[in-house]
N, C-alpha and C. Protein backbone atom coordinates (compact mmCIF):
# COMPACT_ATOMS: atom_id res chain seq x y z
N MET A 1 42.95 99.53 115.11
CA MET A 1 44.09 99.10 115.93
C MET A 1 44.81 97.94 115.24
N THR A 2 46.14 98.03 115.16
CA THR A 2 46.92 97.00 114.49
C THR A 2 46.94 95.72 115.33
N GLU A 3 46.68 94.61 114.67
CA GLU A 3 46.75 93.31 115.36
C GLU A 3 48.19 93.00 115.73
N PRO A 4 48.41 92.31 116.84
CA PRO A 4 49.78 91.88 117.17
C PRO A 4 50.37 91.04 116.04
N LEU A 5 51.64 91.24 115.80
CA LEU A 5 52.34 90.48 114.78
C LEU A 5 52.54 89.05 115.26
N ARG A 6 52.16 88.09 114.45
CA ARG A 6 52.37 86.68 114.79
C ARG A 6 53.75 86.26 114.31
N ILE A 7 54.61 85.88 115.25
CA ILE A 7 55.98 85.47 114.95
C ILE A 7 56.13 84.00 115.26
N LEU A 8 56.53 83.23 114.28
CA LEU A 8 56.76 81.79 114.45
C LEU A 8 58.26 81.56 114.58
N GLY A 9 58.68 81.06 115.75
CA GLY A 9 60.09 80.78 115.95
C GLY A 9 60.44 80.77 117.42
N LYS A 10 61.37 79.91 117.79
CA LYS A 10 61.76 79.80 119.20
C LYS A 10 62.59 80.99 119.63
N ALA A 11 62.47 81.34 120.91
CA ALA A 11 63.09 82.55 121.43
C ALA A 11 64.62 82.49 121.44
N SER A 12 65.20 81.30 121.40
CA SER A 12 66.65 81.18 121.44
C SER A 12 67.29 81.39 120.07
N SER A 13 66.51 81.42 119.01
CA SER A 13 67.05 81.57 117.67
C SER A 13 67.63 82.96 117.47
N ILE A 14 68.85 83.04 116.95
CA ILE A 14 69.50 84.32 116.70
C ILE A 14 68.67 85.16 115.74
N ASN A 15 68.07 84.53 114.73
CA ASN A 15 67.31 85.26 113.73
C ASN A 15 65.94 85.68 114.24
N VAL A 16 65.34 84.88 115.08
CA VAL A 16 64.08 85.28 115.71
C VAL A 16 64.31 86.48 116.61
N ARG A 17 65.43 86.48 117.31
CA ARG A 17 65.71 87.57 118.26
C ARG A 17 65.95 88.90 117.55
N LYS A 18 66.47 88.87 116.31
CA LYS A 18 66.55 90.10 115.52
C LYS A 18 65.16 90.72 115.38
N VAL A 19 64.21 89.88 115.04
CA VAL A 19 62.85 90.37 114.80
C VAL A 19 62.22 90.87 116.10
N LEU A 20 62.43 90.13 117.19
CA LEU A 20 61.87 90.55 118.48
C LEU A 20 62.45 91.89 118.91
N TRP A 21 63.76 92.05 118.76
CA TRP A 21 64.40 93.32 119.14
C TRP A 21 63.86 94.46 118.27
N THR A 22 63.71 94.22 116.97
CA THR A 22 63.17 95.25 116.09
C THR A 22 61.76 95.63 116.49
N CYS A 23 60.94 94.64 116.85
CA CYS A 23 59.60 94.95 117.33
C CYS A 23 59.63 95.90 118.51
N ARG A 24 60.54 95.66 119.43
CA ARG A 24 60.66 96.54 120.59
C ARG A 24 61.07 97.96 120.17
N GLU A 25 61.98 98.05 119.21
CA GLU A 25 62.46 99.36 118.77
C GLU A 25 61.35 100.17 118.12
N VAL A 26 60.45 99.51 117.39
CA VAL A 26 59.40 100.25 116.68
C VAL A 26 58.08 100.26 117.44
N GLY A 27 58.05 99.61 118.61
CA GLY A 27 56.83 99.59 119.40
C GLY A 27 55.74 98.71 118.83
N ARG A 28 56.13 97.63 118.17
CA ARG A 28 55.16 96.72 117.52
C ARG A 28 54.79 95.61 118.48
N ASP A 29 53.50 95.47 118.77
CA ASP A 29 53.04 94.36 119.58
C ASP A 29 53.19 93.05 118.80
N PHE A 30 53.45 91.97 119.52
CA PHE A 30 53.61 90.69 118.83
C PHE A 30 53.19 89.55 119.75
N VAL A 31 52.91 88.44 119.12
CA VAL A 31 52.76 87.17 119.82
C VAL A 31 53.72 86.19 119.16
N ARG A 32 54.47 85.49 119.99
CA ARG A 32 55.47 84.56 119.46
C ARG A 32 55.07 83.14 119.78
N GLU A 33 55.21 82.26 118.79
CA GLU A 33 54.92 80.85 118.97
C GLU A 33 56.21 80.05 118.81
N ASP A 34 56.38 79.03 119.65
CA ASP A 34 57.59 78.21 119.60
C ASP A 34 57.55 77.24 118.42
N TRP A 35 58.40 77.50 117.46
CA TRP A 35 58.60 76.61 116.31
C TRP A 35 60.10 76.41 116.15
N GLY A 36 60.47 75.23 115.67
CA GLY A 36 61.88 74.93 115.45
C GLY A 36 62.32 73.77 116.32
N SER A 37 63.60 73.48 116.29
CA SER A 37 64.16 72.34 117.00
C SER A 37 63.72 72.31 118.45
N GLY A 38 63.11 71.19 118.85
CA GLY A 38 62.64 71.03 120.22
C GLY A 38 61.22 71.50 120.43
N PHE A 39 60.62 72.12 119.41
CA PHE A 39 59.27 72.64 119.53
C PHE A 39 58.44 72.16 118.34
N GLN A 40 57.49 72.94 117.92
CA GLN A 40 56.68 72.53 116.78
C GLN A 40 57.58 72.37 115.55
N PRO A 41 57.40 71.30 114.77
CA PRO A 41 58.34 71.00 113.68
C PRO A 41 58.17 71.94 112.49
N VAL A 42 59.29 72.25 111.84
CA VAL A 42 59.25 73.09 110.65
C VAL A 42 59.41 72.28 109.37
N ASP A 43 59.86 71.04 109.49
CA ASP A 43 60.06 70.21 108.30
C ASP A 43 58.78 69.45 107.96
N THR A 44 57.74 70.22 107.70
CA THR A 44 56.44 69.64 107.35
C THR A 44 55.89 70.40 106.15
N ASP A 45 54.96 69.78 105.46
CA ASP A 45 54.34 70.45 104.31
C ASP A 45 53.62 71.73 104.75
N ALA A 46 52.99 71.67 105.92
CA ALA A 46 52.24 72.84 106.40
C ALA A 46 53.17 74.02 106.65
N PHE A 47 54.33 73.75 107.28
CA PHE A 47 55.24 74.86 107.54
C PHE A 47 55.91 75.32 106.26
N ARG A 48 56.27 74.39 105.37
CA ARG A 48 56.91 74.78 104.12
C ARG A 48 55.99 75.62 103.25
N ALA A 49 54.69 75.50 103.46
CA ALA A 49 53.76 76.37 102.74
C ALA A 49 53.91 77.82 103.20
N MET A 50 54.41 78.01 104.41
CA MET A 50 54.67 79.36 104.92
C MET A 50 56.08 79.82 104.57
N ASN A 51 57.06 78.90 104.66
CA ASN A 51 58.44 79.20 104.31
C ASN A 51 59.04 77.95 103.68
N PRO A 52 59.27 77.97 102.37
CA PRO A 52 59.78 76.77 101.68
C PRO A 52 61.15 76.32 102.16
N ASN A 53 61.87 77.18 102.89
CA ASN A 53 63.17 76.81 103.44
C ASN A 53 63.07 76.05 104.75
N ALA A 54 61.86 75.98 105.31
CA ALA A 54 61.64 75.28 106.59
C ALA A 54 62.54 75.82 107.69
N GLN A 55 62.58 77.14 107.81
CA GLN A 55 63.39 77.80 108.83
C GLN A 55 62.57 78.89 109.51
N VAL A 56 62.99 79.24 110.72
CA VAL A 56 62.39 80.36 111.43
C VAL A 56 63.37 81.55 111.39
N PRO A 57 62.81 82.77 111.51
CA PRO A 57 61.43 83.12 111.80
C PRO A 57 60.56 83.22 110.56
N VAL A 58 59.27 83.13 110.81
CA VAL A 58 58.24 83.45 109.83
C VAL A 58 57.28 84.39 110.53
N VAL A 59 56.81 85.41 109.82
CA VAL A 59 55.78 86.28 110.40
C VAL A 59 54.57 86.30 109.47
N GLN A 60 53.42 86.37 110.08
CA GLN A 60 52.17 86.41 109.31
C GLN A 60 51.81 87.85 109.01
N VAL A 61 51.53 88.12 107.74
CA VAL A 61 51.11 89.45 107.31
C VAL A 61 49.76 89.34 106.62
N ALA A 62 49.23 90.46 106.16
CA ALA A 62 47.84 90.49 105.67
C ALA A 62 47.59 89.51 104.53
N ASP A 63 48.57 89.38 103.63
CA ASP A 63 48.33 88.54 102.46
C ASP A 63 49.15 87.26 102.47
N GLY A 64 49.64 86.85 103.64
CA GLY A 64 50.39 85.61 103.71
C GLY A 64 51.48 85.64 104.77
N TYR A 65 52.71 85.35 104.36
CA TYR A 65 53.80 85.23 105.32
C TYR A 65 55.07 85.86 104.76
N LEU A 66 55.93 86.30 105.67
CA LEU A 66 57.26 86.78 105.31
C LEU A 66 58.29 85.91 106.02
N TRP A 67 59.42 85.66 105.36
CA TRP A 67 60.54 84.98 105.98
C TRP A 67 61.81 85.71 105.57
N GLU A 68 62.94 85.26 106.08
CA GLU A 68 64.25 85.93 106.02
C GLU A 68 64.25 87.07 107.04
N SER A 69 65.00 86.87 108.10
CA SER A 69 64.94 87.76 109.26
C SER A 69 65.30 89.21 108.91
N ASN A 70 66.32 89.42 108.08
CA ASN A 70 66.69 90.79 107.75
C ASN A 70 65.59 91.49 106.97
N SER A 71 64.91 90.75 106.09
CA SER A 71 63.80 91.34 105.34
C SER A 71 62.63 91.66 106.27
N ILE A 72 62.39 90.81 107.24
CA ILE A 72 61.32 91.09 108.21
C ILE A 72 61.64 92.35 108.99
N CYS A 73 62.91 92.51 109.40
CA CYS A 73 63.30 93.73 110.11
C CYS A 73 63.09 94.97 109.25
N ARG A 74 63.42 94.87 107.96
CA ARG A 74 63.17 95.99 107.05
C ARG A 74 61.68 96.30 106.96
N PHE A 75 60.88 95.26 106.85
CA PHE A 75 59.42 95.44 106.79
C PHE A 75 58.91 96.17 108.02
N LEU A 76 59.38 95.76 109.18
CA LEU A 76 58.89 96.36 110.43
C LEU A 76 59.26 97.83 110.52
N ALA A 77 60.50 98.17 110.12
CA ALA A 77 60.91 99.58 110.14
C ALA A 77 60.09 100.39 109.14
N GLY A 78 59.86 99.82 107.96
CA GLY A 78 59.08 100.51 106.96
C GLY A 78 57.62 100.67 107.36
N GLU A 79 57.05 99.62 107.93
CA GLU A 79 55.67 99.67 108.39
C GLU A 79 55.48 100.76 109.44
N ALA A 80 56.48 100.91 110.31
CA ALA A 80 56.41 101.91 111.38
C ALA A 80 56.79 103.30 110.89
N GLY A 81 57.30 103.40 109.66
CA GLY A 81 57.77 104.69 109.16
C GLY A 81 58.98 105.19 109.92
N ASN A 82 59.80 104.26 110.41
CA ASN A 82 60.96 104.63 111.23
C ASN A 82 62.18 104.81 110.33
N ALA A 83 62.40 106.06 109.91
CA ALA A 83 63.52 106.37 109.01
C ALA A 83 64.85 106.44 109.74
N ASP A 84 64.82 106.41 111.08
CA ASP A 84 66.09 106.33 111.81
C ASP A 84 66.67 104.92 111.68
N LEU A 85 65.81 103.92 111.82
CA LEU A 85 66.27 102.54 111.69
C LEU A 85 66.61 102.18 110.25
N LEU A 86 65.82 102.68 109.30
CA LEU A 86 66.03 102.38 107.89
C LEU A 86 65.73 103.65 107.09
N PRO A 87 66.77 104.39 106.75
CA PRO A 87 66.56 105.68 106.09
C PRO A 87 65.78 105.55 104.77
N VAL A 88 65.16 106.66 104.38
CA VAL A 88 64.43 106.72 103.11
C VAL A 88 65.36 107.15 101.99
N ALA A 89 66.26 108.08 102.26
CA ALA A 89 67.19 108.56 101.23
C ALA A 89 68.00 107.39 100.70
N PRO A 90 68.08 107.23 99.37
CA PRO A 90 68.69 106.03 98.79
C PRO A 90 70.10 105.71 99.27
N LEU A 91 70.98 106.71 99.33
CA LEU A 91 72.35 106.42 99.72
C LEU A 91 72.45 106.05 101.19
N ALA A 92 71.75 106.78 102.04
CA ALA A 92 71.77 106.46 103.47
C ALA A 92 71.19 105.07 103.72
N ARG A 93 70.12 104.75 103.00
CA ARG A 93 69.52 103.42 103.14
C ARG A 93 70.49 102.34 102.67
N ALA A 94 71.16 102.59 101.56
CA ALA A 94 72.09 101.60 101.03
C ALA A 94 73.23 101.33 102.00
N ARG A 95 73.67 102.34 102.74
CA ARG A 95 74.76 102.13 103.70
C ARG A 95 74.31 101.23 104.85
N VAL A 96 73.06 101.35 105.25
CA VAL A 96 72.52 100.45 106.28
C VAL A 96 72.37 99.03 105.71
N GLU A 97 71.77 98.94 104.52
CA GLU A 97 71.52 97.62 103.95
C GLU A 97 72.80 96.92 103.53
N MET A 98 73.81 97.68 103.17
CA MET A 98 75.11 97.09 102.83
C MET A 98 75.64 96.26 104.00
N TRP A 99 75.57 96.82 105.21
CA TRP A 99 76.08 96.10 106.38
C TRP A 99 75.14 94.99 106.81
N MET A 100 73.84 95.14 106.58
CA MET A 100 72.91 94.05 106.84
C MET A 100 73.20 92.88 105.90
N ASP A 101 73.45 93.19 104.63
CA ASP A 101 73.78 92.13 103.67
C ASP A 101 75.12 91.48 103.99
N TRP A 102 76.08 92.28 104.42
CA TRP A 102 77.39 91.74 104.80
C TRP A 102 77.24 90.76 105.96
N GLN A 103 76.39 91.12 106.91
CA GLN A 103 76.13 90.22 108.04
C GLN A 103 75.64 88.86 107.56
N ALA A 104 74.73 88.88 106.59
CA ALA A 104 74.12 87.63 106.12
C ALA A 104 75.03 86.84 105.18
N THR A 105 75.82 87.52 104.37
CA THR A 105 76.55 86.83 103.31
C THR A 105 78.02 86.59 103.60
N GLU A 106 78.62 87.39 104.51
CA GLU A 106 80.04 87.27 104.80
C GLU A 106 80.32 86.87 106.24
N LEU A 107 79.74 87.60 107.19
CA LEU A 107 80.04 87.32 108.60
C LEU A 107 79.43 86.00 109.06
N ASN A 108 78.14 85.83 108.85
CA ASN A 108 77.49 84.62 109.37
C ASN A 108 78.06 83.33 108.79
N PRO A 109 78.30 83.23 107.49
CA PRO A 109 78.91 81.99 106.98
C PRO A 109 80.27 81.69 107.60
N ALA A 110 80.99 82.73 108.01
CA ALA A 110 82.33 82.54 108.56
C ALA A 110 82.30 81.78 109.88
N TRP A 111 81.21 81.91 110.65
CA TRP A 111 81.21 81.29 111.97
C TRP A 111 80.55 79.91 112.02
N ARG A 112 80.03 79.43 110.92
CA ARG A 112 79.21 78.23 111.00
C ARG A 112 79.98 77.02 111.54
N TYR A 113 81.16 76.72 110.98
CA TYR A 113 81.86 75.51 111.41
C TYR A 113 82.28 75.61 112.87
N ALA A 114 82.87 76.73 113.25
CA ALA A 114 83.34 76.89 114.62
C ALA A 114 82.19 76.85 115.61
N PHE A 115 81.09 77.49 115.28
CA PHE A 115 79.95 77.51 116.19
C PHE A 115 79.36 76.11 116.35
N MET A 116 79.21 75.40 115.25
CA MET A 116 78.65 74.05 115.34
C MET A 116 79.55 73.12 116.14
N ALA A 117 80.85 73.33 116.05
CA ALA A 117 81.80 72.49 116.79
C ALA A 117 81.88 72.87 118.26
N LEU A 118 82.01 74.15 118.55
CA LEU A 118 82.34 74.59 119.90
C LEU A 118 81.13 74.84 120.78
N VAL A 119 80.00 75.17 120.18
CA VAL A 119 78.79 75.43 120.96
C VAL A 119 77.80 74.28 120.82
N ARG A 120 77.50 73.89 119.61
CA ARG A 120 76.53 72.81 119.40
C ARG A 120 77.14 71.42 119.65
N LYS A 121 78.47 71.33 119.64
CA LYS A 121 79.18 70.06 119.86
C LYS A 121 78.74 68.99 118.86
N SER A 122 78.51 69.40 117.63
CA SER A 122 78.07 68.47 116.61
C SER A 122 79.23 67.57 116.17
N PRO A 123 79.04 66.24 116.18
CA PRO A 123 80.11 65.35 115.75
C PRO A 123 80.46 65.51 114.27
N ALA A 124 79.60 66.12 113.50
CA ALA A 124 79.88 66.35 112.09
C ALA A 124 80.84 67.52 111.88
N PHE A 125 81.15 68.25 112.95
CA PHE A 125 82.03 69.42 112.87
C PHE A 125 83.13 69.26 113.92
N ALA A 126 83.97 68.24 113.73
CA ALA A 126 84.95 67.90 114.76
C ALA A 126 86.39 67.94 114.27
N ASP A 127 86.61 68.38 113.05
CA ASP A 127 87.97 68.41 112.52
C ASP A 127 88.75 69.58 113.12
N PRO A 128 89.85 69.32 113.84
CA PRO A 128 90.57 70.41 114.53
C PRO A 128 91.07 71.50 113.59
N ASP A 129 91.56 71.10 112.42
CA ASP A 129 92.07 72.10 111.48
C ASP A 129 90.93 72.98 110.96
N ALA A 130 89.80 72.36 110.70
CA ALA A 130 88.65 73.13 110.21
C ALA A 130 88.12 74.06 111.29
N ILE A 131 88.16 73.60 112.54
CA ILE A 131 87.73 74.47 113.65
C ILE A 131 88.66 75.68 113.74
N ALA A 132 89.97 75.41 113.69
CA ALA A 132 90.94 76.51 113.79
C ALA A 132 90.77 77.49 112.64
N ALA A 133 90.54 76.96 111.45
CA ALA A 133 90.32 77.83 110.29
C ALA A 133 89.04 78.63 110.45
N GLY A 134 88.01 78.00 111.02
CA GLY A 134 86.75 78.69 111.25
C GLY A 134 86.90 79.82 112.25
N VAL A 135 87.61 79.57 113.33
CA VAL A 135 87.84 80.61 114.33
C VAL A 135 88.62 81.77 113.72
N SER A 136 89.66 81.44 112.95
CA SER A 136 90.48 82.48 112.33
C SER A 136 89.66 83.33 111.36
N GLY A 137 88.85 82.66 110.55
CA GLY A 137 88.03 83.38 109.59
C GLY A 137 86.98 84.25 110.26
N TRP A 138 86.40 83.74 111.33
CA TRP A 138 85.40 84.48 112.09
C TRP A 138 86.03 85.74 112.69
N ASN A 139 87.18 85.58 113.32
CA ASN A 139 87.86 86.73 113.91
C ASN A 139 88.27 87.75 112.84
N ARG A 140 88.66 87.25 111.67
CA ARG A 140 89.03 88.16 110.58
C ARG A 140 87.83 89.01 110.15
N GLN A 141 86.68 88.40 110.05
CA GLN A 141 85.48 89.15 109.68
C GLN A 141 85.12 90.17 110.77
N MET A 142 85.25 89.77 112.02
CA MET A 142 84.97 90.71 113.11
C MET A 142 85.95 91.89 113.09
N GLY A 143 87.14 91.65 112.57
CA GLY A 143 88.09 92.74 112.40
C GLY A 143 87.60 93.78 111.41
N ILE A 144 86.84 93.35 110.41
CA ILE A 144 86.25 94.29 109.46
C ILE A 144 85.23 95.16 110.18
N LEU A 145 84.41 94.55 111.02
CA LEU A 145 83.46 95.32 111.81
C LEU A 145 84.18 96.30 112.74
N GLU A 146 85.28 95.85 113.35
CA GLU A 146 86.08 96.72 114.21
C GLU A 146 86.54 97.96 113.44
N GLY A 147 87.02 97.76 112.23
CA GLY A 147 87.49 98.89 111.43
C GLY A 147 86.39 99.88 111.13
N GLN A 148 85.20 99.37 110.82
CA GLN A 148 84.08 100.26 110.53
C GLN A 148 83.65 101.05 111.77
N LEU A 149 83.58 100.38 112.90
CA LEU A 149 83.16 101.06 114.13
C LEU A 149 84.22 102.06 114.60
N ALA A 150 85.48 101.75 114.39
CA ALA A 150 86.53 102.71 114.71
C ALA A 150 86.40 103.96 113.84
N LYS A 151 85.95 103.78 112.60
CA LYS A 151 85.79 104.90 111.68
C LYS A 151 84.60 105.77 112.07
N THR A 152 83.45 105.13 112.40
CA THR A 152 82.26 105.92 112.71
C THR A 152 82.31 106.48 114.14
N GLY A 153 82.96 105.76 115.04
CA GLY A 153 83.01 106.17 116.45
C GLY A 153 81.67 106.06 117.14
N ALA A 154 80.72 105.38 116.53
CA ALA A 154 79.37 105.32 117.12
C ALA A 154 78.69 104.02 116.76
N TYR A 155 78.00 104.00 115.62
CA TYR A 155 77.23 102.82 115.22
C TYR A 155 77.72 102.33 113.85
N VAL A 156 77.18 101.21 113.42
CA VAL A 156 77.74 100.55 112.24
C VAL A 156 77.65 101.42 110.99
N ALA A 157 76.49 102.00 110.74
CA ALA A 157 76.32 102.76 109.51
C ALA A 157 76.59 104.25 109.66
N GLY A 158 76.97 104.68 110.86
CA GLY A 158 77.24 106.09 111.06
C GLY A 158 76.98 106.53 112.48
N ALA A 159 76.50 107.76 112.61
CA ALA A 159 76.32 108.34 113.94
C ALA A 159 75.09 107.82 114.66
N GLY A 160 74.11 107.30 113.92
CA GLY A 160 72.86 106.88 114.54
C GLY A 160 72.65 105.37 114.51
N PHE A 161 71.84 104.90 115.47
CA PHE A 161 71.48 103.48 115.58
C PHE A 161 70.53 103.11 114.45
N THR A 162 70.80 101.98 113.78
CA THR A 162 69.97 101.53 112.66
C THR A 162 69.76 100.01 112.74
N LEU A 163 69.04 99.50 111.74
CA LEU A 163 68.86 98.05 111.66
C LEU A 163 70.18 97.30 111.55
N ALA A 164 71.19 97.93 110.98
CA ALA A 164 72.50 97.27 110.87
C ALA A 164 73.04 96.91 112.25
N ASP A 165 72.78 97.75 113.23
CA ASP A 165 73.25 97.46 114.58
C ASP A 165 72.48 96.31 115.21
N ILE A 166 71.22 96.17 114.86
CA ILE A 166 70.43 95.06 115.40
C ILE A 166 70.98 93.73 114.88
N VAL A 167 71.09 93.61 113.57
CA VAL A 167 71.50 92.31 113.02
C VAL A 167 72.95 91.99 113.38
N LEU A 168 73.82 93.00 113.38
CA LEU A 168 75.22 92.74 113.74
C LEU A 168 75.40 92.61 115.24
N GLY A 169 74.52 93.23 116.01
CA GLY A 169 74.56 93.02 117.45
C GLY A 169 74.30 91.58 117.82
N LEU A 170 73.34 90.94 117.13
CA LEU A 170 73.07 89.53 117.40
C LEU A 170 74.23 88.64 116.98
N SER A 171 74.84 88.95 115.84
CA SER A 171 76.00 88.16 115.40
C SER A 171 77.17 88.34 116.36
N THR A 172 77.36 89.55 116.87
CA THR A 172 78.45 89.79 117.82
C THR A 172 78.19 89.06 119.13
N ASN A 173 76.94 88.99 119.54
CA ASN A 173 76.61 88.20 120.72
C ASN A 173 77.07 86.76 120.55
N ARG A 174 76.85 86.20 119.39
CA ARG A 174 77.27 84.82 119.13
C ARG A 174 78.79 84.69 119.18
N TRP A 175 79.48 85.67 118.63
CA TRP A 175 80.95 85.66 118.66
C TRP A 175 81.45 85.70 120.10
N LYS A 176 80.84 86.55 120.94
CA LYS A 176 81.29 86.71 122.31
C LYS A 176 80.95 85.49 123.17
N MET A 177 79.89 84.77 122.85
CA MET A 177 79.46 83.66 123.69
C MET A 177 80.17 82.35 123.35
N THR A 178 80.84 82.29 122.22
CA THR A 178 81.48 81.05 121.79
C THR A 178 82.84 80.88 122.48
N PRO A 179 83.08 79.72 123.09
CA PRO A 179 84.34 79.50 123.82
C PRO A 179 85.52 79.30 122.87
N MET A 180 86.19 80.39 122.56
CA MET A 180 87.32 80.35 121.62
C MET A 180 88.20 81.57 121.88
N GLU A 181 89.37 81.58 121.27
CA GLU A 181 90.26 82.72 121.37
C GLU A 181 89.73 83.85 120.49
N ARG A 182 89.68 85.05 121.07
CA ARG A 182 89.21 86.21 120.34
C ARG A 182 90.18 87.37 120.54
N PRO A 183 90.41 88.16 119.51
CA PRO A 183 91.24 89.36 119.71
C PRO A 183 90.45 90.41 120.47
N HIS A 184 91.17 91.31 121.12
CA HIS A 184 90.50 92.44 121.76
C HIS A 184 90.18 93.47 120.69
N LEU A 185 88.91 93.79 120.54
CA LEU A 185 88.47 94.76 119.55
C LEU A 185 87.84 95.93 120.29
N PRO A 186 88.59 96.97 120.57
CA PRO A 186 88.09 98.04 121.43
C PRO A 186 86.89 98.79 120.87
N ALA A 187 86.84 99.00 119.57
CA ALA A 187 85.69 99.71 119.01
C ALA A 187 84.43 98.85 119.11
N VAL A 188 84.57 97.55 118.93
CA VAL A 188 83.44 96.64 119.10
C VAL A 188 82.96 96.67 120.54
N GLU A 189 83.89 96.67 121.49
CA GLU A 189 83.50 96.69 122.90
C GLU A 189 82.79 98.00 123.27
N ASP A 190 83.27 99.13 122.74
CA ASP A 190 82.61 100.40 123.01
C ASP A 190 81.20 100.41 122.42
N TRP A 191 81.06 99.89 121.22
CA TRP A 191 79.75 99.77 120.56
C TRP A 191 78.83 98.85 121.36
N TRP A 192 79.37 97.74 121.84
CA TRP A 192 78.59 96.80 122.65
C TRP A 192 78.03 97.50 123.88
N ALA A 193 78.84 98.35 124.50
CA ALA A 193 78.36 99.11 125.66
C ALA A 193 77.23 100.05 125.27
N ARG A 194 77.31 100.66 124.10
CA ARG A 194 76.22 101.53 123.64
C ARG A 194 74.96 100.71 123.38
N LEU A 195 75.10 99.54 122.81
CA LEU A 195 73.93 98.70 122.57
C LEU A 195 73.26 98.32 123.88
N ARG A 196 74.04 98.09 124.91
CA ARG A 196 73.48 97.66 126.19
C ARG A 196 72.63 98.75 126.86
N GLU A 197 72.71 99.96 126.36
CA GLU A 197 71.86 101.02 126.88
C GLU A 197 70.42 100.90 126.37
N ARG A 198 70.20 100.03 125.39
CA ARG A 198 68.88 99.90 124.78
C ARG A 198 68.14 98.72 125.43
N SER A 199 66.92 98.96 125.85
CA SER A 199 66.16 97.93 126.55
C SER A 199 65.89 96.73 125.65
N GLY A 200 65.65 96.96 124.36
CA GLY A 200 65.41 95.84 123.44
C GLY A 200 66.61 94.94 123.31
N PHE A 201 67.79 95.53 123.34
CA PHE A 201 69.01 94.73 123.29
C PHE A 201 69.18 93.91 124.57
N ARG A 202 68.94 94.55 125.70
CA ARG A 202 69.08 93.81 126.97
C ARG A 202 68.10 92.65 127.03
N GLU A 203 66.93 92.82 126.45
CA GLU A 203 65.91 91.78 126.49
C GLU A 203 66.17 90.66 125.50
N PHE A 204 66.59 91.01 124.30
CA PHE A 204 66.69 90.01 123.23
C PHE A 204 68.07 89.85 122.61
N GLY A 205 68.98 90.81 122.83
CA GLY A 205 70.23 90.78 122.11
C GLY A 205 71.41 90.23 122.88
N ALA A 206 71.53 90.57 124.15
CA ALA A 206 72.74 90.24 124.90
C ALA A 206 72.82 88.78 125.31
N ASN A 207 71.69 88.11 125.45
CA ASN A 207 71.68 86.68 125.73
C ASN A 207 72.51 86.35 126.97
N GLY A 208 72.39 87.19 127.99
CA GLY A 208 73.06 86.91 129.25
C GLY A 208 74.50 87.35 129.33
N ILE A 209 75.04 87.96 128.25
CA ILE A 209 76.43 88.40 128.28
C ILE A 209 76.50 89.79 128.88
N PRO A 210 77.33 90.02 129.90
CA PRO A 210 77.42 91.35 130.51
C PRO A 210 78.12 92.34 129.60
């Protein structure tokens, strides 16, 4: 019998919630421990031995630890042999991973300044012009997602639900919860409704957004 996966990270973390949602999709039992701001500290030698970046999530595996949330999601799909979430065929897999990488390298960096200013209320992110530029850039990136979803008419990488929908679903939740001007993106809204049909999304992805 497989031992429950040990997940280190607070439940409010966007990246921890990716992993929790993926666990639900693959039927993986887990135990989660509160680490991060407000909980057990990550800026310690002991935690850096698990993740040198001192960030959550971290998961314990047989020979040590894994970090980077998207990589953990890939591991979980592979461990479960779930080729729907992460295809085996190279091209189909690349189309899923392309959007997962875009989430991490293009979409997420776009929202950092605006999110820190408008949600976290950090005094280090208080420049009005930078906030406006951040909002504009964030909305522009979401427009790219809108175009892709309008093309597929279903999910991010095509007709079926994949890991790309998990990671981008969490990023879209952040976009929707931030108090700012947003364009109406009908394909994103239709996709959001499809995500809400999944129990894992309702538990870990929507974060109280109807």
